Amino acid sequence: MKKVTLNVMLFSVLFFASCGGNEGEQSTENNSAEEVKTEEVADQTETTEEEIIEEEIESNDNSDSKGVGPISSIELGDIDEALVEEGKELYKANCTACHKMGKRFVGPALQGVTERRTPEWIMNMILNPEGMVAEDPIAMELLAEYSSPMANQRLTEEDARAILEFFRTKN
């Protein structure tokens, strides 16, 4: 009986030892494959901020869309420096937690946004982000890309117009 028990234990040890050895080899092979994939992803993600902005311009260009919200038409004249300063302060107070001018952050880079979007679209996104994400195809794409909806800051039309004026100086 002792001999049978000893043989079963010996067989079990050898069996599990042989399985463990293959697992280690597979693990090494998997690790190597994962390292290659990680390097490929790193190579693909090494882009400059300018390239990212260019990609956003190309992929989200829809310059005739006015979006969804209270702004259907707006006339722009010369840059109003007083409005720019007001917009700059509103931007700092309300937007910088999620947006940077020249780089992606929680939300898209805003430098050059006036070249990618109509003034109406920009103001509607500021004033009505929930409606834009629900009904505007561009806003839906941005939500899918950034996985974070724009927060409604409860700004007035005058505030949104000031921020737009600030954006006009950032092309």
N, C-alpha and C. Protein backbone atom coordinates (compact mmCIF):
# COMPACT_ATOMS: atom_id res chain seq x y z
N MET A 1 0.82 -1.19 0.00
CA MET A 1 0.00 0.00 0.00
C MET A 1 0.87 1.25 0.00
N LYS A 2 1.96 1.24 0.78
CA LYS A 2 2.86 2.38 0.83
C LYS A 2 3.51 2.61 -0.53
N LYS A 3 3.82 1.49 -1.21
CA LYS A 3 4.46 1.58 -2.51
C LYS A 3 3.52 2.24 -3.53
N VAL A 4 2.23 1.88 -3.48
CA VAL A 4 1.24 2.44 -4.41
C VAL A 4 1.07 3.94 -4.11
N THR A 5 0.96 4.31 -2.87
CA THR A 5 0.80 5.70 -2.48
C THR A 5 2.02 6.51 -2.91
N LEU A 6 3.21 5.95 -2.69
CA LEU A 6 4.44 6.62 -3.07
C LEU A 6 4.50 6.81 -4.59
N ASN A 7 4.13 5.78 -5.33
CA ASN A 7 4.12 5.88 -6.80
C ASN A 7 3.13 6.93 -7.29
N VAL A 8 1.93 6.98 -6.68
CA VAL A 8 0.92 7.97 -7.07
C VAL A 8 1.44 9.38 -6.78
N MET A 9 2.06 9.55 -5.62
CA MET A 9 2.60 10.87 -5.27
C MET A 9 3.73 11.26 -6.22
N LEU A 10 4.60 10.31 -6.52
CA LEU A 10 5.71 10.58 -7.43
C LEU A 10 5.18 10.94 -8.81
N PHE A 11 4.21 10.17 -9.29
CA PHE A 11 3.61 10.45 -10.59
C PHE A 11 2.96 11.85 -10.60
N SER A 12 2.25 12.19 -9.51
CA SER A 12 1.59 13.50 -9.40
C SER A 12 2.60 14.63 -9.44
N VAL A 13 3.69 14.48 -8.70
CA VAL A 13 4.72 15.50 -8.66
C VAL A 13 5.33 15.69 -10.05
N LEU A 14 5.65 14.58 -10.70
CA LEU A 14 6.23 14.67 -12.05
C LEU A 14 5.24 15.29 -13.03
N PHE A 15 3.98 14.90 -12.92
CA PHE A 15 2.97 15.44 -13.82
C PHE A 15 2.83 16.95 -13.65
N PHE A 16 2.69 17.39 -12.41
CA PHE A 16 2.53 18.82 -12.16
C PHE A 16 3.80 19.60 -12.48
N ALA A 17 4.94 19.01 -12.25
CA ALA A 17 6.21 19.68 -12.58
C ALA A 17 6.32 19.87 -14.09
N SER A 18 5.91 18.87 -14.85
CA SER A 18 5.99 19.00 -16.31
C SER A 18 4.99 20.02 -16.82
N CYS A 19 3.83 20.12 -16.22
CA CYS A 19 2.85 21.14 -16.63
C CYS A 19 3.35 22.53 -16.27
N GLY A 20 3.93 22.65 -15.11
CA GLY A 20 4.43 23.96 -14.67
C GLY A 20 5.51 24.48 -15.59
N GLY A 21 6.37 23.59 -16.09
CA GLY A 21 7.45 24.02 -16.99
C GLY A 21 6.89 24.61 -18.27
N ASN A 22 5.87 24.00 -18.84
CA ASN A 22 5.27 24.53 -20.07
C ASN A 22 4.61 25.87 -19.83
N GLU A 23 3.98 26.00 -18.66
CA GLU A 23 3.33 27.26 -18.34
C GLU A 23 4.33 28.39 -18.33
N GLY A 24 5.50 28.14 -17.75
CA GLY A 24 6.54 29.17 -17.69
C GLY A 24 6.99 29.56 -19.07
N GLU A 25 7.14 28.56 -19.97
CA GLU A 25 7.54 28.87 -21.34
C GLU A 25 6.46 29.68 -22.04
N GLN A 26 5.20 29.28 -21.84
CA GLN A 26 4.11 30.03 -22.47
C GLN A 26 4.06 31.43 -21.90
N SER A 27 4.27 31.56 -20.61
CA SER A 27 4.25 32.87 -19.98
C SER A 27 5.33 33.76 -20.57
N THR A 28 6.54 33.19 -20.77
CA THR A 28 7.62 33.96 -21.37
C THR A 28 7.26 34.38 -22.79
N GLU A 29 6.67 33.42 -23.55
CA GLU A 29 6.25 33.76 -24.90
C GLU A 29 5.18 34.83 -24.89
N ASN A 30 4.21 34.72 -23.98
CA ASN A 30 3.16 35.73 -23.87
C ASN A 30 3.73 37.07 -23.48
N ASN A 31 4.68 37.07 -22.53
CA ASN A 31 5.30 38.33 -22.12
C ASN A 31 6.01 38.98 -23.29
N SER A 32 6.73 38.19 -24.09
CA SER A 32 7.42 38.74 -25.26
C SER A 32 6.43 39.34 -26.24
N ALA A 33 5.32 38.64 -26.47
CA ALA A 33 4.30 39.14 -27.38
C ALA A 33 3.68 40.43 -26.83
N GLU A 34 3.45 40.46 -25.52
CA GLU A 34 2.88 41.66 -24.91
C GLU A 34 3.85 42.83 -25.01
N GLU A 35 5.16 42.56 -24.84
CA GLU A 35 6.15 43.63 -24.97
C GLU A 35 6.16 44.19 -26.38
N VAL A 36 6.07 43.33 -27.38
CA VAL A 36 6.03 43.79 -28.77
C VAL A 36 4.80 44.64 -29.01
N LYS A 37 3.64 44.16 -28.52
CA LYS A 37 2.41 44.93 -28.68
C LYS A 37 2.53 46.28 -27.98
N THR A 38 3.08 46.31 -26.77
CA THR A 38 3.25 47.54 -26.03
C THR A 38 4.15 48.51 -26.80
N GLU A 39 5.25 47.99 -27.38
CA GLU A 39 6.14 48.83 -28.16
C GLU A 39 5.44 49.38 -29.39
N GLU A 40 4.61 48.54 -30.06
CA GLU A 40 3.87 49.01 -31.23
C GLU A 40 2.91 50.12 -30.85
N VAL A 41 2.20 49.95 -29.72
CA VAL A 41 1.27 50.97 -29.27
C VAL A 41 2.04 52.25 -28.92
N ALA A 42 3.17 52.11 -28.25
CA ALA A 42 3.97 53.29 -27.91
C ALA A 42 4.41 54.01 -29.17
N ASP A 43 4.84 53.26 -30.20
CA ASP A 43 5.25 53.89 -31.45
C ASP A 43 4.08 54.64 -32.09
N GLN A 44 2.89 54.04 -32.01
CA GLN A 44 1.73 54.65 -32.63
C GLN A 44 1.27 55.89 -31.86
N THR A 45 1.51 55.95 -30.54
CA THR A 45 1.02 57.06 -29.74
C THR A 45 2.02 58.20 -29.61
N GLU A 46 3.23 58.03 -30.15
CA GLU A 46 4.21 59.09 -30.09
C GLU A 46 3.94 60.11 -31.19
N THR A 47 3.04 61.04 -30.90
CA THR A 47 2.74 62.09 -31.85
C THR A 47 2.88 63.42 -31.14
N THR A 48 3.18 64.43 -31.91
CA THR A 48 3.31 65.76 -31.33
C THR A 48 1.93 66.35 -31.11
N GLU A 49 1.89 67.38 -30.31
CA GLU A 49 0.62 68.07 -30.05
C GLU A 49 0.08 68.66 -31.35
N GLU A 50 0.96 69.16 -32.21
CA GLU A 50 0.52 69.72 -33.49
C GLU A 50 -0.14 68.64 -34.34
N GLU A 51 0.42 67.42 -34.35
CA GLU A 51 -0.17 66.33 -35.11
C GLU A 51 -1.54 65.96 -34.57
N ILE A 52 -1.69 65.98 -33.25
CA ILE A 52 -2.98 65.67 -32.64
C ILE A 52 -4.01 66.71 -33.05
N ILE A 53 -3.64 67.97 -33.00
CA ILE A 53 -4.56 69.03 -33.39
C ILE A 53 -4.92 68.88 -34.87
N GLU A 54 -3.92 68.60 -35.71
CA GLU A 54 -4.18 68.39 -37.14
C GLU A 54 -5.14 67.23 -37.36
N GLU A 55 -4.96 66.13 -36.62
CA GLU A 55 -5.85 64.98 -36.74
C GLU A 55 -7.27 65.37 -36.36
N GLU A 56 -7.41 66.17 -35.29
CA GLU A 56 -8.74 66.61 -34.88
C GLU A 56 -9.37 67.50 -35.94
N ILE A 57 -8.57 68.35 -36.55
CA ILE A 57 -9.09 69.22 -37.60
C ILE A 57 -9.59 68.36 -38.75
N GLU A 58 -8.78 67.39 -39.18
CA GLU A 58 -9.15 66.54 -40.31
C GLU A 58 -10.34 65.65 -39.99
N SER A 59 -10.34 65.03 -38.80
CA SER A 59 -11.38 64.05 -38.50
C SER A 59 -12.70 64.70 -38.08
N ASN A 60 -12.66 65.90 -37.58
CA ASN A 60 -13.88 66.52 -37.08
C ASN A 60 -14.28 67.76 -37.86
N ASP A 61 -13.74 67.94 -39.04
CA ASP A 61 -14.05 69.13 -39.81
C ASP A 61 -15.47 69.06 -40.33
N ASN A 62 -16.27 69.97 -39.88
CA ASN A 62 -17.64 70.11 -40.35
C ASN A 62 -18.00 71.57 -40.16
N SER A 63 -17.35 72.42 -40.93
CA SER A 63 -17.39 73.85 -40.70
C SER A 63 -18.75 74.49 -40.91
N ASP A 64 -19.72 73.78 -41.49
CA ASP A 64 -21.01 74.41 -41.71
C ASP A 64 -22.05 74.06 -40.64
N SER A 65 -21.72 73.17 -39.71
CA SER A 65 -22.66 72.78 -38.66
C SER A 65 -22.78 73.89 -37.61
N LYS A 66 -24.01 74.18 -37.26
CA LYS A 66 -24.26 75.18 -36.22
C LYS A 66 -24.59 74.54 -34.88
N GLY A 67 -24.75 73.23 -34.87
CA GLY A 67 -25.04 72.54 -33.62
C GLY A 67 -26.49 72.68 -33.21
N VAL A 68 -26.73 72.34 -31.95
CA VAL A 68 -28.07 72.32 -31.39
C VAL A 68 -28.08 73.22 -30.16
N GLY A 69 -28.95 74.21 -30.17
CA GLY A 69 -29.02 75.10 -29.02
C GLY A 69 -29.61 76.44 -29.38
N PRO A 70 -29.45 77.39 -28.51
CA PRO A 70 -30.11 78.69 -28.68
C PRO A 70 -29.49 79.59 -29.75
N ILE A 71 -28.28 79.30 -30.19
CA ILE A 71 -27.60 80.18 -31.14
C ILE A 71 -27.77 79.64 -32.56
N SER A 72 -28.52 80.38 -33.36
CA SER A 72 -28.73 79.96 -34.75
C SER A 72 -27.93 80.81 -35.73
N SER A 73 -27.58 82.01 -35.31
CA SER A 73 -26.82 82.89 -36.19
C SER A 73 -26.06 83.91 -35.35
N ILE A 74 -24.85 84.20 -35.77
CA ILE A 74 -24.05 85.20 -35.08
C ILE A 74 -23.19 85.94 -36.10
N GLU A 75 -23.11 87.21 -35.96
CA GLU A 75 -22.28 88.05 -36.83
C GLU A 75 -21.01 88.42 -36.07
N LEU A 76 -19.87 88.14 -36.69
CA LEU A 76 -18.60 88.48 -36.07
C LEU A 76 -17.98 89.66 -36.80
N GLY A 77 -17.44 90.57 -36.04
CA GLY A 77 -16.73 91.69 -36.62
C GLY A 77 -15.27 91.61 -36.25
N ASP A 78 -14.66 92.76 -36.09
CA ASP A 78 -13.28 92.81 -35.64
C ASP A 78 -13.19 92.28 -34.21
N ILE A 79 -12.00 91.83 -33.84
CA ILE A 79 -11.77 91.32 -32.49
C ILE A 79 -11.99 92.45 -31.48
N ASP A 80 -12.80 92.17 -30.46
CA ASP A 80 -13.08 93.12 -29.39
C ASP A 80 -12.17 92.76 -28.21
N GLU A 81 -11.13 93.56 -27.99
CA GLU A 81 -10.12 93.26 -26.96
C GLU A 81 -10.71 93.18 -25.56
N ALA A 82 -11.68 94.01 -25.24
CA ALA A 82 -12.31 93.96 -23.91
C ALA A 82 -13.04 92.62 -23.74
N LEU A 83 -13.72 92.18 -24.79
CA LEU A 83 -14.43 90.90 -24.75
C LEU A 83 -13.44 89.74 -24.67
N VAL A 84 -12.30 89.88 -25.34
CA VAL A 84 -11.25 88.86 -25.28
C VAL A 84 -10.78 88.68 -23.83
N GLU A 85 -10.52 89.78 -23.15
CA GLU A 85 -10.06 89.71 -21.76
C GLU A 85 -11.11 89.07 -20.86
N GLU A 86 -12.36 89.43 -21.06
CA GLU A 86 -13.45 88.82 -20.29
C GLU A 86 -13.52 87.31 -20.59
N GLY A 87 -13.41 86.96 -21.85
CA GLY A 87 -13.44 85.55 -22.25
C GLY A 87 -12.27 84.77 -21.69
N LYS A 88 -11.11 85.40 -21.66
CA LYS A 88 -9.92 84.75 -21.10
C LYS A 88 -10.13 84.40 -19.63
N GLU A 89 -10.70 85.32 -18.88
CA GLU A 89 -10.96 85.07 -17.46
C GLU A 89 -12.04 83.99 -17.28
N LEU A 90 -13.08 84.03 -18.09
CA LEU A 90 -14.12 82.99 -18.03
C LEU A 90 -13.56 81.63 -18.40
N TYR A 91 -12.70 81.59 -19.42
CA TYR A 91 -12.04 80.34 -19.82
C TYR A 91 -11.22 79.78 -18.67
N LYS A 92 -10.42 80.62 -18.04
CA LYS A 92 -9.59 80.16 -16.91
C LYS A 92 -10.45 79.62 -15.78
N ALA A 93 -11.55 80.30 -15.50
CA ALA A 93 -12.40 79.91 -14.37
C ALA A 93 -13.27 78.69 -14.65
N ASN A 94 -13.64 78.45 -15.90
CA ASN A 94 -14.64 77.43 -16.20
C ASN A 94 -14.17 76.28 -17.08
N CYS A 95 -13.10 76.46 -17.83
CA CYS A 95 -12.75 75.49 -18.87
C CYS A 95 -11.44 74.74 -18.65
N THR A 96 -10.52 75.33 -17.91
CA THR A 96 -9.17 74.76 -17.85
C THR A 96 -9.06 73.45 -17.06
N ALA A 97 -10.08 73.09 -16.33
CA ALA A 97 -10.04 71.79 -15.63
C ALA A 97 -10.09 70.64 -16.65
N CYS A 98 -10.67 70.90 -17.83
CA CYS A 98 -10.82 69.85 -18.83
C CYS A 98 -10.15 70.15 -20.17
N HIS A 99 -9.86 71.40 -20.44
CA HIS A 99 -9.30 71.78 -21.74
C HIS A 99 -7.99 72.53 -21.59
N LYS A 100 -7.09 72.25 -22.51
CA LYS A 100 -5.85 73.01 -22.67
C LYS A 100 -5.87 73.57 -24.08
N MET A 101 -5.19 74.67 -24.29
CA MET A 101 -5.21 75.27 -25.61
C MET A 101 -4.52 74.39 -26.66
N GLY A 102 -3.28 74.00 -26.40
CA GLY A 102 -2.49 73.34 -27.42
C GLY A 102 -2.33 71.85 -27.27
N LYS A 103 -3.10 71.20 -26.39
CA LYS A 103 -2.97 69.76 -26.26
C LYS A 103 -4.24 69.12 -25.74
N ARG A 104 -4.36 67.83 -26.07
CA ARG A 104 -5.49 67.04 -25.57
C ARG A 104 -5.39 66.95 -24.06
N PHE A 105 -6.52 66.89 -23.44
CA PHE A 105 -6.55 66.71 -22.00
C PHE A 105 -7.78 65.86 -21.72
N VAL A 106 -8.60 66.21 -20.80
CA VAL A 106 -9.86 65.50 -20.60
C VAL A 106 -10.75 65.71 -21.83
N GLY A 107 -10.70 66.92 -22.37
CA GLY A 107 -11.41 67.26 -23.60
C GLY A 107 -10.42 67.64 -24.68
N PRO A 108 -10.92 67.97 -25.86
CA PRO A 108 -10.02 68.29 -26.98
C PRO A 108 -9.27 69.61 -26.78
N ALA A 109 -8.14 69.72 -27.49
CA ALA A 109 -7.38 70.96 -27.51
C ALA A 109 -8.26 72.04 -28.14
N LEU A 110 -8.20 73.25 -27.61
CA LEU A 110 -9.07 74.31 -28.12
C LEU A 110 -8.35 75.30 -29.03
N GLN A 111 -7.05 75.20 -29.12
CA GLN A 111 -6.33 76.07 -30.05
C GLN A 111 -6.82 75.77 -31.47
N GLY A 112 -7.21 76.79 -32.19
CA GLY A 112 -7.69 76.61 -33.54
C GLY A 112 -9.12 76.12 -33.66
N VAL A 113 -9.85 76.08 -32.56
CA VAL A 113 -11.22 75.57 -32.60
C VAL A 113 -12.09 76.41 -33.53
N THR A 114 -11.80 77.69 -33.66
CA THR A 114 -12.61 78.54 -34.54
C THR A 114 -12.34 78.24 -36.02
N GLU A 115 -11.29 77.50 -36.31
CA GLU A 115 -11.04 77.05 -37.68
C GLU A 115 -11.75 75.74 -37.97
N ARG A 116 -12.08 74.99 -36.92
CA ARG A 116 -12.72 73.68 -37.07
C ARG A 116 -14.23 73.74 -36.92
N ARG A 117 -14.72 74.73 -36.21
CA ARG A 117 -16.15 74.81 -35.90
C ARG A 117 -16.68 76.22 -36.20
N THR A 118 -17.98 76.26 -36.45
CA THR A 118 -18.62 77.56 -36.66
C THR A 118 -18.76 78.26 -35.30
N PRO A 119 -18.88 79.58 -35.31
CA PRO A 119 -19.10 80.29 -34.04
C PRO A 119 -20.37 79.81 -33.34
N GLU A 120 -21.41 79.53 -34.12
CA GLU A 120 -22.67 79.05 -33.53
C GLU A 120 -22.47 77.70 -32.84
N TRP A 121 -21.73 76.80 -33.49
CA TRP A 121 -21.48 75.48 -32.91
C TRP A 121 -20.74 75.62 -31.58
N ILE A 122 -19.72 76.45 -31.56
CA ILE A 122 -18.92 76.65 -30.35
C ILE A 122 -19.80 77.18 -29.22
N MET A 123 -20.58 78.20 -29.52
CA MET A 123 -21.43 78.77 -28.46
C MET A 123 -22.50 77.77 -28.01
N ASN A 124 -23.07 77.02 -28.95
CA ASN A 124 -24.07 76.02 -28.57
C ASN A 124 -23.45 74.92 -27.71
N MET A 125 -22.22 74.55 -28.00
CA MET A 125 -21.55 73.53 -27.18
C MET A 125 -21.32 74.05 -25.77
N ILE A 126 -20.97 75.32 -25.64
CA ILE A 126 -20.78 75.92 -24.32
C ILE A 126 -22.11 76.02 -23.57
N LEU A 127 -23.15 76.44 -24.27
CA LEU A 127 -24.44 76.70 -23.62
C LEU A 127 -25.33 75.47 -23.46
N ASN A 128 -25.19 74.49 -24.34
CA ASN A 128 -26.10 73.35 -24.37
C ASN A 128 -25.35 72.03 -24.60
N PRO A 129 -24.38 71.71 -23.73
CA PRO A 129 -23.61 70.49 -23.99
C PRO A 129 -24.44 69.21 -23.97
N GLU A 130 -25.46 69.14 -23.13
CA GLU A 130 -26.29 67.94 -23.07
C GLU A 130 -27.05 67.74 -24.38
N GLY A 131 -27.65 68.79 -24.89
CA GLY A 131 -28.39 68.72 -26.15
C GLY A 131 -27.48 68.42 -27.32
N MET A 132 -26.28 69.01 -27.30
CA MET A 132 -25.33 68.78 -28.38
C MET A 132 -24.92 67.31 -28.41
N VAL A 133 -24.60 66.74 -27.27
CA VAL A 133 -24.16 65.34 -27.22
C VAL A 133 -25.30 64.40 -27.61
N ALA A 134 -26.52 64.81 -27.32
CA ALA A 134 -27.67 63.96 -27.65
C ALA A 134 -28.05 64.03 -29.13
N GLU A 135 -27.81 65.19 -29.78
CA GLU A 135 -28.34 65.37 -31.13
C GLU A 135 -27.32 65.76 -32.20
N ASP A 136 -26.18 66.30 -31.83
CA ASP A 136 -25.21 66.77 -32.83
C ASP A 136 -24.19 65.69 -33.14
N PRO A 137 -24.03 65.32 -34.41
CA PRO A 137 -23.10 64.23 -34.76
C PRO A 137 -21.65 64.51 -34.37
N ILE A 138 -21.20 65.73 -34.49
CA ILE A 138 -19.81 66.06 -34.13
C ILE A 138 -19.62 65.90 -32.62
N ALA A 139 -20.56 66.43 -31.85
CA ALA A 139 -20.48 66.31 -30.40
C ALA A 139 -20.53 64.85 -29.97
N MET A 140 -21.32 64.04 -30.67
CA MET A 140 -21.39 62.61 -30.37
C MET A 140 -20.04 61.95 -30.63
N GLU A 141 -19.39 62.32 -31.74
CA GLU A 141 -18.05 61.77 -32.05
C GLU A 141 -17.04 62.16 -30.97
N LEU A 142 -17.11 63.41 -30.55
CA LEU A 142 -16.18 63.87 -29.51
C LEU A 142 -16.40 63.12 -28.20
N LEU A 143 -17.65 62.90 -27.85
CA LEU A 143 -17.94 62.13 -26.63
C LEU A 143 -17.39 60.72 -26.75
N ALA A 144 -17.57 60.10 -27.91
CA ALA A 144 -17.05 58.75 -28.10
C ALA A 144 -15.53 58.74 -28.02
N GLU A 145 -14.89 59.76 -28.54
CA GLU A 145 -13.43 59.82 -28.54
C GLU A 145 -12.85 60.10 -27.16
N TYR A 146 -13.49 61.01 -26.42
CA TYR A 146 -12.94 61.43 -25.13
C TYR A 146 -13.59 60.75 -23.94
N SER A 147 -14.69 60.07 -24.14
CA SER A 147 -15.39 59.30 -23.10
C SER A 147 -15.78 60.14 -21.90
N SER A 148 -15.91 61.42 -22.08
CA SER A 148 -16.29 62.30 -20.99
C SER A 148 -17.15 63.43 -21.54
N PRO A 149 -18.39 63.53 -21.10
CA PRO A 149 -19.23 64.61 -21.63
C PRO A 149 -18.79 65.97 -21.09
N MET A 150 -19.00 66.99 -21.89
CA MET A 150 -18.67 68.34 -21.45
C MET A 150 -19.64 68.75 -20.36
N ALA A 151 -19.10 69.33 -19.31
CA ALA A 151 -19.92 69.78 -18.20
C ALA A 151 -20.63 71.08 -18.56
N ASN A 152 -21.87 71.19 -18.16
CA ASN A 152 -22.61 72.43 -18.37
C ASN A 152 -22.21 73.40 -17.26
N GLN A 153 -21.56 74.47 -17.64
CA GLN A 153 -21.08 75.46 -16.67
C GLN A 153 -22.14 76.51 -16.34
N ARG A 154 -23.30 76.40 -16.97
CA ARG A 154 -24.42 77.33 -16.74
C ARG A 154 -24.01 78.77 -17.04
N LEU A 155 -23.30 78.93 -18.15
CA LEU A 155 -22.87 80.27 -18.57
C LEU A 155 -23.98 80.94 -19.37
N THR A 156 -23.95 82.25 -19.42
CA THR A 156 -24.92 83.02 -20.19
C THR A 156 -24.45 83.12 -21.64
N GLU A 157 -25.35 83.58 -22.51
CA GLU A 157 -24.97 83.80 -23.90
C GLU A 157 -23.84 84.83 -24.00
N GLU A 158 -23.88 85.83 -23.14
CA GLU A 158 -22.82 86.84 -23.13
C GLU A 158 -21.49 86.23 -22.73
N ASP A 159 -21.51 85.32 -21.75
CA ASP A 159 -20.28 84.64 -21.33
C ASP A 159 -19.74 83.78 -22.48
N ALA A 160 -20.62 83.03 -23.13
CA ALA A 160 -20.20 82.18 -24.24
C ALA A 160 -19.63 83.02 -25.37
N ARG A 161 -20.23 84.16 -25.63
CA ARG A 161 -19.74 85.05 -26.69
C ARG A 161 -18.34 85.58 -26.34
N ALA A 162 -18.11 85.88 -25.05
CA ALA A 162 -16.78 86.35 -24.62
C ALA A 162 -15.75 85.24 -24.78
N ILE A 163 -16.10 84.03 -24.41
CA ILE A 163 -15.17 82.90 -24.57
C ILE A 163 -14.88 82.67 -26.06
N LEU A 164 -15.90 82.76 -26.90
CA LEU A 164 -15.70 82.64 -28.34
C LEU A 164 -14.73 83.71 -28.82
N GLU A 165 -14.86 84.92 -28.34
CA GLU A 165 -13.96 86.00 -28.76
C GLU A 165 -12.53 85.70 -28.34
N PHE A 166 -12.35 85.14 -27.15
CA PHE A 166 -11.01 84.71 -26.69
C PHE A 166 -10.48 83.62 -27.62
N PHE A 167 -11.32 82.64 -27.97
CA PHE A 167 -10.89 81.56 -28.87
C PHE A 167 -10.46 82.10 -30.23
N ARG A 168 -11.11 83.16 -30.69
CA ARG A 168 -10.77 83.74 -31.99
C ARG A 168 -9.31 84.23 -32.02
N THR A 169 -8.74 84.53 -30.88
CA THR A 169 -7.34 84.99 -30.83
C THR A 169 -6.36 83.83 -30.71
N LYS A 170 -6.83 82.60 -30.66
CA LYS A 170 -5.99 81.43 -30.41
C LYS A 170 -5.90 80.50 -31.61
N ASN A 171 -5.79 81.05 -32.80
CA ASN A 171 -5.66 80.21 -34.01
C ASN A 171 -4.21 79.98 -34.38
